[in-house]
Amino acid sequence: METLLTAIVDDNRVRVKALLQADPLLATCRVGEARLYESGIFHWLYVGDTALHLAAAGHRVEIVRLLLAAHSDPNAATNHRKSGPLRIRRKMPSLSR
């Protein structure tokens, strides 16, 4: 999971795609420990968040599409705030195309 999150922060679409092809379950993994990202993307990932939360927060449109194609849950809201990636996605009009 950490490798996927690093690739998202780095906006490395090729690496994200390769990781998801090698292990499609990465798209549905939940974060087990809260962490503040301060470099590349400024965003808190909470326990229960998915890689989709981080990609959406970082406006990584192509990576969001890759994660959704790999069956990441756009409604995942199991963190303590009960906020899902769709909350962030609404701020990304390029995803609605």
PDB file of N, CA and C in Angstrom:
ATOM      1  N   MET A   1       0.829  -1.196   0.000  1.00  0.00           N
ATOM      2  CA  MET A   1       0.000   0.000   0.000  1.00  0.00           C
ATOM      3  C   MET A   1       0.870   1.255   0.000  1.00  0.00           C
ATOM      4  N   GLU A   2       1.938   1.243   0.789  1.00  0.00           N
ATOM      5  CA  GLU A   2       2.796   2.431   0.895  1.00  0.00           C
ATOM      6  C   GLU A   2       3.394   2.803  -0.460  1.00  0.00           C
ATOM      7  N   THR A   3       3.768   1.793  -1.237  1.00  0.00           N
ATOM      8  CA  THR A   3       4.334   2.050  -2.571  1.00  0.00           C
ATOM      9  C   THR A   3       3.302   2.737  -3.458  1.00  0.00           C
ATOM     10  N   LEU A   4       2.062   2.308  -3.381  1.00  0.00           N
ATOM     11  CA  LEU A   4       0.990   2.931  -4.159  1.00  0.00           C
ATOM     12  C   LEU A   4       0.780   4.376  -3.726  1.00  0.00           C
ATOM     13  N   LEU A   5       0.734   4.616  -2.432  1.00  0.00           N
ATOM     14  CA  LEU A   5       0.531   5.978  -1.938  1.00  0.00           C
ATOM     15  C   LEU A   5       1.679   6.897  -2.360  1.00  0.00           C
ATOM     16  N   THR A   6       2.899   6.386  -2.335  1.00  0.00           N
ATOM     17  CA  THR A   6       4.059   7.173  -2.775  1.00  0.00           C
ATOM     18  C   THR A   6       3.946   7.497  -4.256  1.00  0.00           C
ATOM     19  N   ALA A   7       3.535   6.539  -5.057  1.00  0.00           N
ATOM     20  CA  ALA A   7       3.366   6.776  -6.498  1.00  0.00           C
ATOM     21  C   ALA A   7       2.286   7.823  -6.759  1.00  0.00           C
ATOM     22  N   ILE A   8       1.243   7.828  -5.941  1.00  0.00           N
ATOM     23  CA  ILE A   8       0.179   8.830  -6.085  1.00  0.00           C
ATOM     24  C   ILE A   8       0.726  10.217  -5.757  1.00  0.00           C
ATOM     25  N   VAL A   9       1.423  10.328  -4.648  1.00  0.00           N
ATOM     26  CA  VAL A   9       2.005  11.628  -4.270  1.00  0.00           C
ATOM     27  C   VAL A   9       2.944  12.128  -5.363  1.00  0.00           C
ATOM     28  N   ASP A  10       3.727  11.215  -5.936  1.00  0.00           N
ATOM     29  CA  ASP A  10       4.679  11.577  -6.991  1.00  0.00           C
ATOM     30  C   ASP A  10       4.005  11.789  -8.338  1.00  0.00           C
ATOM     31  N   ASP A  11       2.704  11.551  -8.426  1.00  0.00           N
ATOM     32  CA  ASP A  11       1.936  11.646  -9.681  1.00  0.00           C
ATOM     33  C   ASP A  11       2.530  10.737 -10.751  1.00  0.00           C
ATOM     34  N   ASN A  12       2.940   9.550 -10.325  1.00  0.00           N
ATOM     35  CA  ASN A  12       3.567   8.579 -11.213  1.00  0.00           C
ATOM     36  C   ASN A  12       2.505   7.608 -11.712  1.00  0.00           C
ATOM     37  N   ARG A  13       1.831   8.002 -12.782  1.00  0.00           N
ATOM     38  CA  ARG A  13       0.716   7.218 -13.319  1.00  0.00           C
ATOM     39  C   ARG A  13       1.148   5.849 -13.808  1.00  0.00           C
ATOM     40  N   VAL A  14       2.325   5.790 -14.423  1.00  0.00           N
ATOM     41  CA  VAL A  14       2.828   4.513 -14.940  1.00  0.00           C
ATOM     42  C   VAL A  14       3.033   3.533 -13.784  1.00  0.00           C
ATOM     43  N   ARG A  15       3.615   4.009 -12.706  1.00  0.00           N
ATOM     44  CA  ARG A  15       3.853   3.157 -11.533  1.00  0.00           C
ATOM     45  C   ARG A  15       2.534   2.725 -10.889  1.00  0.00           C
ATOM     46  N   VAL A  16       1.589   3.653 -10.765  1.00  0.00           N
ATOM     47  CA  VAL A  16       0.280   3.310 -10.193  1.00  0.00           C
ATOM     48  C   VAL A  16      -0.382   2.223 -11.027  1.00  0.00           C
ATOM     49  N   LYS A  17      -0.374   2.396 -12.337  1.00  0.00           N
ATOM     50  CA  LYS A  17      -0.999   1.408 -13.227  1.00  0.00           C
ATOM     51  C   LYS A  17      -0.342   0.039 -13.075  1.00  0.00           C
ATOM     52  N   ALA A  18       0.987   0.012 -13.013  1.00  0.00           N
ATOM     53  CA  ALA A  18       1.713  -1.253 -12.858  1.00  0.00           C
ATOM     54  C   ALA A  18       1.402  -1.905 -11.510  1.00  0.00           C
ATOM     55  N   LEU A  19       1.354  -1.114 -10.458  1.00  0.00           N
ATOM     56  CA  LEU A  19       1.044  -1.652  -9.132  1.00  0.00           C
ATOM     57  C   LEU A  19      -0.361  -2.246  -9.086  1.00  0.00           C
ATOM     58  N   LEU A  20      -1.319  -1.557  -9.698  1.00  0.00           N
ATOM     59  CA  LEU A  20      -2.703  -2.047  -9.708  1.00  0.00           C
ATOM     60  C   LEU A  20      -2.843  -3.300 -10.566  1.00  0.00           C
ATOM     61  N   GLN A  21      -2.073  -3.371 -11.646  1.00  0.00           N
ATOM     62  CA  GLN A  21      -2.119  -4.581 -12.474  1.00  0.00           C
ATOM     63  C   GLN A  21      -1.516  -5.769 -11.729  1.00  0.00           C
ATOM     64  N   ALA A  22      -0.448  -5.518 -10.969  1.00  0.00           N
ATOM     65  CA  ALA A  22       0.205  -6.587 -10.212  1.00  0.00           C
ATOM     66  C   ALA A  22      -0.631  -7.035  -9.015  1.00  0.00           C
ATOM     67  N   ASP A  23      -1.348  -6.107  -8.408  1.00  0.00           N
ATOM     68  CA  ASP A  23      -2.152  -6.416  -7.223  1.00  0.00           C
ATOM     69  C   ASP A  23      -3.410  -5.550  -7.211  1.00  0.00           C
ATOM     70  N   PRO A  24      -4.461  -5.984  -7.910  1.00  0.00           N
ATOM     71  CA  PRO A  24      -5.694  -5.184  -8.002  1.00  0.00           C
ATOM     72  C   PRO A  24      -6.335  -4.870  -6.648  1.00  0.00           C
ATOM     73  N   LEU A  25      -6.052  -5.661  -5.633  1.00  0.00           N
ATOM     74  CA  LEU A  25      -6.638  -5.420  -4.313  1.00  0.00           C
ATOM     75  C   LEU A  25      -6.114  -4.145  -3.663  1.00  0.00           C
ATOM     76  N   LEU A  26      -5.008  -3.611  -4.171  1.00  0.00           N
ATOM     77  CA  LEU A  26      -4.496  -2.341  -3.643  1.00  0.00           C
ATOM     78  C   LEU A  26      -5.532  -1.225  -3.768  1.00  0.00           C
ATOM     79  N   ALA A  27      -6.367  -1.306  -4.790  1.00  0.00           N
ATOM     80  CA  ALA A  27      -7.374  -0.269  -5.020  1.00  0.00           C
ATOM     81  C   ALA A  27      -8.416  -0.227  -3.912  1.00  0.00           C
ATOM     82  N   THR A  28      -8.575  -1.321  -3.203  1.00  0.00           N
ATOM     83  CA  THR A  28      -9.611  -1.387  -2.168  1.00  0.00           C
ATOM     84  C   THR A  28      -9.049  -1.418  -0.744  1.00  0.00           C
ATOM     85  N   CYS A  29      -7.723  -1.413  -0.617  1.00  0.00           N
ATOM     86  CA  CYS A  29      -7.103  -1.431   0.721  1.00  0.00           C
ATOM     87  C   CYS A  29      -7.443  -0.163   1.496  1.00  0.00           C
ATOM     88  N   ARG A  30      -7.583  -0.321   2.797  1.00  0.00           N
ATOM     89  CA  ARG A  30      -7.865   0.805   3.693  1.00  0.00           C
ATOM     90  C   ARG A  30      -6.604   1.164   4.464  1.00  0.00           C
ATOM     91  N   VAL A  31      -6.428   2.431   4.732  1.00  0.00           N
ATOM     92  CA  VAL A  31      -5.301   2.912   5.512  1.00  0.00           C
ATOM     93  C   VAL A  31      -5.465   2.456   6.962  1.00  0.00           C
ATOM     94  N   GLY A  32      -4.405   1.934   7.539  1.00  0.00           N
ATOM     95  CA  GLY A  32      -4.468   1.423   8.899  1.00  0.00           C
ATOM     96  C   GLY A  32      -3.978   2.390   9.956  1.00  0.00           C
ATOM     97  N   GLU A  33      -3.290   3.448   9.513  1.00  0.00           N
ATOM     98  CA  GLU A  33      -2.747   4.431  10.457  1.00  0.00           C
ATOM     99  C   GLU A  33      -2.833   5.822   9.832  1.00  0.00           C
ATOM    100  N   ALA A  34      -3.354   6.772  10.578  1.00  0.00           N
ATOM    101  CA  ALA A  34      -3.492   8.141  10.074  1.00  0.00           C
ATOM    102  C   ALA A  34      -2.120   8.735   9.760  1.00  0.00           C
ATOM    103  N   ARG A  35      -2.079   9.551   8.719  1.00  0.00           N
ATOM    104  CA  ARG A  35      -0.816  10.149   8.305  1.00  0.00           C
ATOM    105  C   ARG A  35      -1.077  11.468   7.573  1.00  0.00           C
ATOM    106  N   LEU A  36      -0.268  12.456   7.897  1.00  0.00           N
ATOM    107  CA  LEU A  36      -0.340  13.740   7.200  1.00  0.00           C
ATOM    108  C   LEU A  36       0.688  13.754   6.084  1.00  0.00           C
ATOM    109  N   TYR A  37       0.224  13.992   4.880  1.00  0.00           N
ATOM    110  CA  TYR A  37       1.117  14.168   3.733  1.00  0.00           C
ATOM    111  C   TYR A  37       1.357  15.662   3.587  1.00  0.00           C
ATOM    112  N   GLU A  38       2.607  16.036   3.583  1.00  0.00           N
ATOM    113  CA  GLU A  38       2.960  17.453   3.508  1.00  0.00           C
ATOM    114  C   GLU A  38       3.801  17.784   2.288  1.00  0.00           C
ATOM    115  N   SER A  39       4.154  16.786   1.514  1.00  0.00           N
ATOM    116  CA  SER A  39       4.993  17.011   0.342  1.00  0.00           C
ATOM    117  C   SER A  39       4.287  16.437  -0.880  1.00  0.00           C
ATOM    118  N   GLY A  40       4.140  17.229  -1.911  1.00  0.00           N
ATOM    119  CA  GLY A  40       3.453  16.785  -3.120  1.00  0.00           C
ATOM    120  C   GLY A  40       1.951  16.968  -3.034  1.00  0.00           C
ATOM    121  N   ILE A  41       1.372  16.466  -1.976  1.00  0.00           N
ATOM    122  CA  ILE A  41      -0.058  16.619  -1.686  1.00  0.00           C
ATOM    123  C   ILE A  41      -0.154  16.953  -0.203  1.00  0.00           C
ATOM    124  N   PHE A  42      -0.850  18.018   0.128  1.00  0.00           N
ATOM    125  CA  PHE A  42      -1.064  18.339   1.535  1.00  0.00           C
ATOM    126  C   PHE A  42      -2.428  17.797   1.923  1.00  0.00           C
ATOM    127  N   HIS A  43      -2.417  16.683   2.665  1.00  0.00           N
ATOM    128  CA  HIS A  43      -3.690  16.035   2.977  1.00  0.00           C
ATOM    129  C   HIS A  43      -3.502  15.026   4.103  1.00  0.00           C
ATOM    130  N   TRP A  44      -4.476  14.957   4.997  1.00  0.00           N
ATOM    131  CA  TRP A  44      -4.517  13.910   6.014  1.00  0.00           C
ATOM    132  C   TRP A  44      -5.190  12.683   5.422  1.00  0.00           C
ATOM    133  N   LEU A  45      -4.551  11.535   5.555  1.00  0.00           N
ATOM    134  CA  LEU A  45      -5.209  10.258   5.294  1.00  0.00           C
ATOM    135  C   LEU A  45      -5.554   9.686   6.654  1.00  0.00           C
ATOM    136  N   TYR A  46      -6.800   9.332   6.841  1.00  0.00           N
ATOM    137  CA  TYR A  46      -7.266   8.802   8.109  1.00  0.00           C
ATOM    138  C   TYR A  46      -7.413   7.285   8.047  1.00  0.00           C
ATOM    139  N   VAL A  47      -7.444   6.656   9.189  1.00  0.00           N
ATOM    140  CA  VAL A  47      -7.712   5.224   9.257  1.00  0.00           C
ATOM    141  C   VAL A  47      -9.045   4.973   8.552  1.00  0.00           C
ATOM    142  N   GLY A  48      -9.036   4.037   7.622  1.00  0.00           N
ATOM    143  CA  GLY A  48     -10.242   3.722   6.855  1.00  0.00           C
ATOM    144  C   GLY A  48     -10.280   4.352   5.484  1.00  0.00           C
ATOM    145  N   ASP A  49      -9.414   5.334   5.228  1.00  0.00           N
ATOM    146  CA  ASP A  49      -9.341   5.939   3.895  1.00  0.00           C
ATOM    147  C   ASP A  49      -8.708   4.948   2.911  1.00  0.00           C
ATOM    148  N   THR A  50      -8.873   5.240   1.636  1.00  0.00           N
ATOM    149  CA  THR A  50      -8.264   4.434   0.574  1.00  0.00           C
ATOM    150  C   THR A  50      -7.308   5.312  -0.233  1.00  0.00           C
ATOM    151  N   ALA A  51      -6.603   4.683  -1.141  1.00  0.00           N
ATOM    152  CA  ALA A  51      -5.707   5.426  -2.037  1.00  0.00           C
ATOM    153  C   ALA A  51      -6.498   6.448  -2.852  1.00  0.00           C
ATOM    154  N   LEU A  52      -7.753   6.156  -3.107  1.00  0.00           N
ATOM    155  CA  LEU A  52      -8.605   7.079  -3.862  1.00  0.00           C
ATOM    156  C   LEU A  52      -8.765   8.411  -3.129  1.00  0.00           C
ATOM    157  N   HIS A  53      -8.827   8.380  -1.816  1.00  0.00           N
ATOM    158  CA  HIS A  53      -8.911   9.626  -1.043  1.00  0.00           C
ATOM    159  C   HIS A  53      -7.695  10.518  -1.340  1.00  0.00           C
ATOM    160  N   LEU A  54      -6.508   9.911  -1.324  1.00  0.00           N
ATOM    161  CA  LEU A  54      -5.286  10.679  -1.546  1.00  0.00           C
ATOM    162  C   LEU A  54      -5.203  11.186  -2.983  1.00  0.00           C
ATOM    163  N   ALA A  55      -5.530  10.339  -3.942  1.00  0.00           N
ATOM    164  CA  ALA A  55      -5.481  10.744  -5.346  1.00  0.00           C
ATOM    165  C   ALA A  55      -6.461  11.889  -5.626  1.00  0.00           C
ATOM    166  N   ALA A  56      -7.666  11.798  -5.074  1.00  0.00           N
ATOM    167  CA  ALA A  56      -8.652  12.854  -5.268  1.00  0.00           C
ATOM    168  C   ALA A  56      -8.210  14.150  -4.599  1.00  0.00           C
ATOM    169  N   ALA A  57      -7.652  14.041  -3.397  1.00  0.00           N
ATOM    170  CA  ALA A  57      -7.182  15.237  -2.682  1.00  0.00           C
ATOM    171  C   ALA A  57      -6.057  15.928  -3.439  1.00  0.00           C
ATOM    172  N   GLY A  58      -5.244  15.142  -4.128  1.00  0.00           N
ATOM    173  CA  GLY A  58      -4.128  15.705  -4.879  1.00  0.00           C
ATOM    174  C   GLY A  58      -4.496  16.090  -6.303  1.00  0.00           C
ATOM    175  N   HIS A  59      -5.765  15.977  -6.639  1.00  0.00           N
ATOM    176  CA  HIS A  59      -6.247  16.307  -7.987  1.00  0.00           C
ATOM    177  C   HIS A  59      -5.486  15.524  -9.049  1.00  0.00           C
ATOM    178  N   ARG A  60      -5.234  14.257  -8.752  1.00  0.00           N
ATOM    179  CA  ARG A  60      -4.548  13.352  -9.685  1.00  0.00           C
ATOM    180  C   ARG A  60      -5.620  12.659 -10.529  1.00  0.00           C
ATOM    181  N   VAL A  61      -6.151  13.380 -11.494  1.00  0.00           N
ATOM    182  CA  VAL A  61      -7.321  12.941 -12.260  1.00  0.00           C
ATOM    183  C   VAL A  61      -7.092  11.593 -12.932  1.00  0.00           C
ATOM    184  N   GLU A  62      -5.983  11.434 -13.601  1.00  0.00           N
ATOM    185  CA  GLU A  62      -5.723  10.170 -14.302  1.00  0.00           C
ATOM    186  C   GLU A  62      -5.564   9.019 -13.307  1.00  0.00           C
ATOM    187  N   ILE A  63      -4.954   9.286 -12.179  1.00  0.00           N
ATOM    188  CA  ILE A  63      -4.800   8.237 -11.160  1.00  0.00           C
ATOM    189  C   ILE A  63      -6.155   7.903 -10.546  1.00  0.00           C
ATOM    190  N   VAL A  64      -6.989   8.899 -10.330  1.00  0.00           N
ATOM    191  CA  VAL A  64      -8.353   8.634  -9.843  1.00  0.00           C
ATOM    192  C   VAL A  64      -9.062   7.706 -10.817  1.00  0.00           C
ATOM    193  N   ARG A  65      -8.921   7.971 -12.091  1.00  0.00           N
ATOM    194  CA  ARG A  65      -9.561   7.113 -13.104  1.00  0.00           C
ATOM    195  C   ARG A  65      -9.016   5.690 -13.050  1.00  0.00           C
ATOM    196  N   LEU A  66      -7.703   5.550 -12.882  1.00  0.00           N
ATOM    197  CA  LEU A  66      -7.105   4.217 -12.770  1.00  0.00           C
ATOM    198  C   LEU A  66      -7.646   3.477 -11.557  1.00  0.00           C
ATOM    199  N   LEU A  67      -7.737   4.163 -10.435  1.00  0.00           N
ATOM    200  CA  LEU A  67      -8.247   3.544  -9.212  1.00  0.00           C
ATOM    201  C   LEU A  67      -9.717   3.148  -9.353  1.00  0.00           C
ATOM    202  N   LEU A  68     -10.506   4.002  -9.962  1.00  0.00           N
ATOM    203  CA  LEU A  68     -11.921   3.670 -10.168  1.00  0.00           C
ATOM    204  C   LEU A  68     -12.065   2.476 -11.106  1.00  0.00           C
ATOM    205  N   ALA A  69     -11.239   2.430 -12.146  1.00  0.00           N
ATOM    206  CA  ALA A  69     -11.270   1.291 -13.073  1.00  0.00           C
ATOM    207  C   ALA A  69     -10.869  -0.004 -12.368  1.00  0.00           C
ATOM    208  N   ALA A  70     -10.055   0.123 -11.319  1.00  0.00           N
ATOM    209  CA  ALA A  70      -9.620  -1.040 -10.542  1.00  0.00           C
ATOM    210  C   ALA A  70     -10.585  -1.345  -9.390  1.00  0.00           C
ATOM    211  N   HIS A  71     -11.732  -0.701  -9.401  1.00  0.00           N
ATOM    212  CA  HIS A  71     -12.821  -0.945  -8.446  1.00  0.00           C
ATOM    213  C   HIS A  71     -12.600  -0.349  -7.062  1.00  0.00           C
ATOM    214  N   SER A  72     -11.867   0.741  -6.986  1.00  0.00           N
ATOM    215  CA  SER A  72     -11.794   1.478  -5.733  1.00  0.00           C
ATOM    216  C   SER A  72     -13.177   2.050  -5.448  1.00  0.00           C
ATOM    217  N   ASP A  73     -13.573   2.058  -4.206  1.00  0.00           N
ATOM    218  CA  ASP A  73     -14.931   2.466  -3.818  1.00  0.00           C
ATOM    219  C   ASP A  73     -15.038   3.986  -3.745  1.00  0.00           C
ATOM    220  N   PRO A  74     -15.769   4.614  -4.666  1.00  0.00           N
ATOM    221  CA  PRO A  74     -15.902   6.066  -4.642  1.00  0.00           C
ATOM    222  C   PRO A  74     -16.739   6.572  -3.467  1.00  0.00           C
ATOM    223  N   ASN A  75     -17.402   5.654  -2.778  1.00  0.00           N
ATOM    224  CA  ASN A  75     -18.225   6.030  -1.628  1.00  0.00           C
ATOM    225  C   ASN A  75     -17.615   5.610  -0.298  1.00  0.00           C
ATOM    226  N   ALA A  76     -16.360   5.170  -0.311  1.00  0.00           N
ATOM    227  CA  ALA A  76     -15.708   4.704   0.921  1.00  0.00           C
ATOM    228  C   ALA A  76     -15.693   5.835   1.945  1.00  0.00           C
ATOM    229  N   ALA A  77     -16.361   5.614   3.045  1.00  0.00           N
ATOM    230  CA  ALA A  77     -16.462   6.650   4.083  1.00  0.00           C
ATOM    231  C   ALA A  77     -16.382   6.011   5.458  1.00  0.00           C
ATOM    232  N   THR A  78     -15.347   5.208   5.665  1.00  0.00           N
ATOM    233  CA  THR A  78     -15.229   4.520   6.946  1.00  0.00           C
ATOM    234  C   THR A  78     -14.266   5.211   7.901  1.00  0.00           C
ATOM    235  N   ASN A  79     -13.749   6.381   7.503  1.00  0.00           N
ATOM    236  CA  ASN A  79     -12.866   7.102   8.425  1.00  0.00           C
ATOM    237  C   ASN A  79     -13.697   7.762   9.527  1.00  0.00           C
ATOM    238  N   HIS A  80     -13.039   8.305  10.514  1.00  0.00           N
ATOM    239  CA  HIS A  80     -13.765   8.880  11.661  1.00  0.00           C
ATOM    240  C   HIS A  80     -14.604  10.102  11.284  1.00  0.00           C
ATOM    241  N   ARG A  81     -14.306  10.718  10.149  1.00  0.00           N
ATOM    242  CA  ARG A  81     -15.083  11.876   9.694  1.00  0.00           C
ATOM    243  C   ARG A  81     -16.254  11.462   8.806  1.00  0.00           C
ATOM    244  N   LYS A  82     -16.285  10.192   8.451  1.00  0.00           N
ATOM    245  CA  LYS A  82     -17.316   9.658   7.543  1.00  0.00           C
ATOM    246  C   LYS A  82     -17.309  10.382   6.199  1.00  0.00           C
ATOM    247  N   SER A  83     -16.105  10.767   5.745  1.00  0.00           N
ATOM    248  CA  SER A  83     -15.989  11.480   4.471  1.00  0.00           C
ATOM    249  C   SER A  83     -15.357  10.574   3.430  1.00  0.00           C
ATOM    250  N   GLY A  84     -15.967  10.564   2.274  1.00  0.00           N
ATOM    251  CA  GLY A  84     -15.475   9.724   1.188  1.00  0.00           C
ATOM    252  C   GLY A  84     -14.793  10.529   0.101  1.00  0.00           C
ATOM    253  N   PRO A  85     -14.200   9.824  -0.844  1.00  0.00           N
ATOM    254  CA  PRO A  85     -13.519  10.501  -1.941  1.00  0.00           C
ATOM    255  C   PRO A  85     -14.457  11.353  -2.793  1.00  0.00           C
ATOM    256  N   LEU A  86     -15.744  11.027  -2.812  1.00  0.00           N
ATOM    257  CA  LEU A  86     -16.682  11.829  -3.612  1.00  0.00           C
ATOM    258  C   LEU A  86     -16.758  13.267  -3.111  1.00  0.00           C
ATOM    259  N   ARG A  87     -16.534  13.449  -1.818  1.00  0.00           N
ATOM    260  CA  ARG A  87     -16.525  14.806  -1.262  1.00  0.00           C
ATOM    261  C   ARG A  87     -15.436  15.637  -1.944  1.00  0.00           C
ATOM    262  N   ILE A  88     -14.313  15.022  -2.201  1.00  0.00           N
ATOM    263  CA  ILE A  88     -13.193  15.699  -2.858  1.00  0.00           C
ATOM    264  C   ILE A  88     -13.445  15.768  -4.358  1.00  0.00           C
ATOM    265  N   ARG A  89     -14.001  14.712  -4.911  1.00  0.00           N
ATOM    266  CA  ARG A  89     -14.212  14.610  -6.363  1.00  0.00           C
ATOM    267  C   ARG A  89     -15.086  15.744  -6.900  1.00  0.00           C
ATOM    268  N   ARG A  90     -16.026  16.203  -6.109  1.00  0.00           N
ATOM    269  CA  ARG A  90     -16.903  17.287  -6.571  1.00  0.00           C
ATOM    270  C   ARG A  90     -16.119  18.529  -6.936  1.00  0.00           C
ATOM    271  N   LYS A  91     -14.925  18.654  -6.400  1.00  0.00           N
ATOM    272  CA  LYS A  91     -14.084  19.805  -6.698  1.00  0.00           C
ATOM    273  C   LYS A  91     -13.258  19.594  -7.954  1.00  0.00           C
ATOM    274  N   MET A  92     -13.443  18.443  -8.630  1.00  0.00           N
ATOM    275  CA  MET A  92     -12.641  18.091  -9.789  1.00  0.00           C
ATOM    276  C   MET A  92     -13.534  17.969 -11.022  1.00  0.00           C
ATOM    277  N   PRO A  93     -13.886  19.078 -11.661  1.00  0.00           N
ATOM    278  CA  PRO A  93     -14.818  19.013 -12.787  1.00  0.00           C
ATOM    279  C   PRO A  93     -14.302  18.158 -13.936  1.00  0.00           C
ATOM    280  N   SER A  94     -13.004  17.989 -14.067  1.00  0.00           N
ATOM    281  CA  SER A  94     -12.461  17.194 -15.166  1.00  0.00           C
ATOM    282  C   SER A  94     -12.806  15.718 -15.031  1.00  0.00           C
ATOM    283  N   LEU A  95     -13.250  15.263 -13.872  1.00  0.00           N
ATOM    284  CA  LEU A  95     -13.648  13.882 -13.703  1.00  0.00           C
ATOM    285  C   LEU A  95     -15.053  13.621 -14.215  1.00  0.00           C
ATOM    286  N   SER A  96     -15.826  14.642 -14.374  1.00  0.00           N
ATOM    287  CA  SER A  96     -17.216  14.444 -14.788  1.00  0.00           C
ATOM    288  C   SER A  96     -17.341  14.215 -16.291  1.00  0.00           C
ATOM    289  N   ARG A  97     -16.247  14.322 -16.998  1.00  0.00           N
ATOM    290  CA  ARG A  97     -16.293  14.097 -18.459  1.00  0.00           C
ATOM    291  C   ARG A  97     -16.363  12.653 -18.798  1.00  0.00           C
TER     292      ARG A  97
END
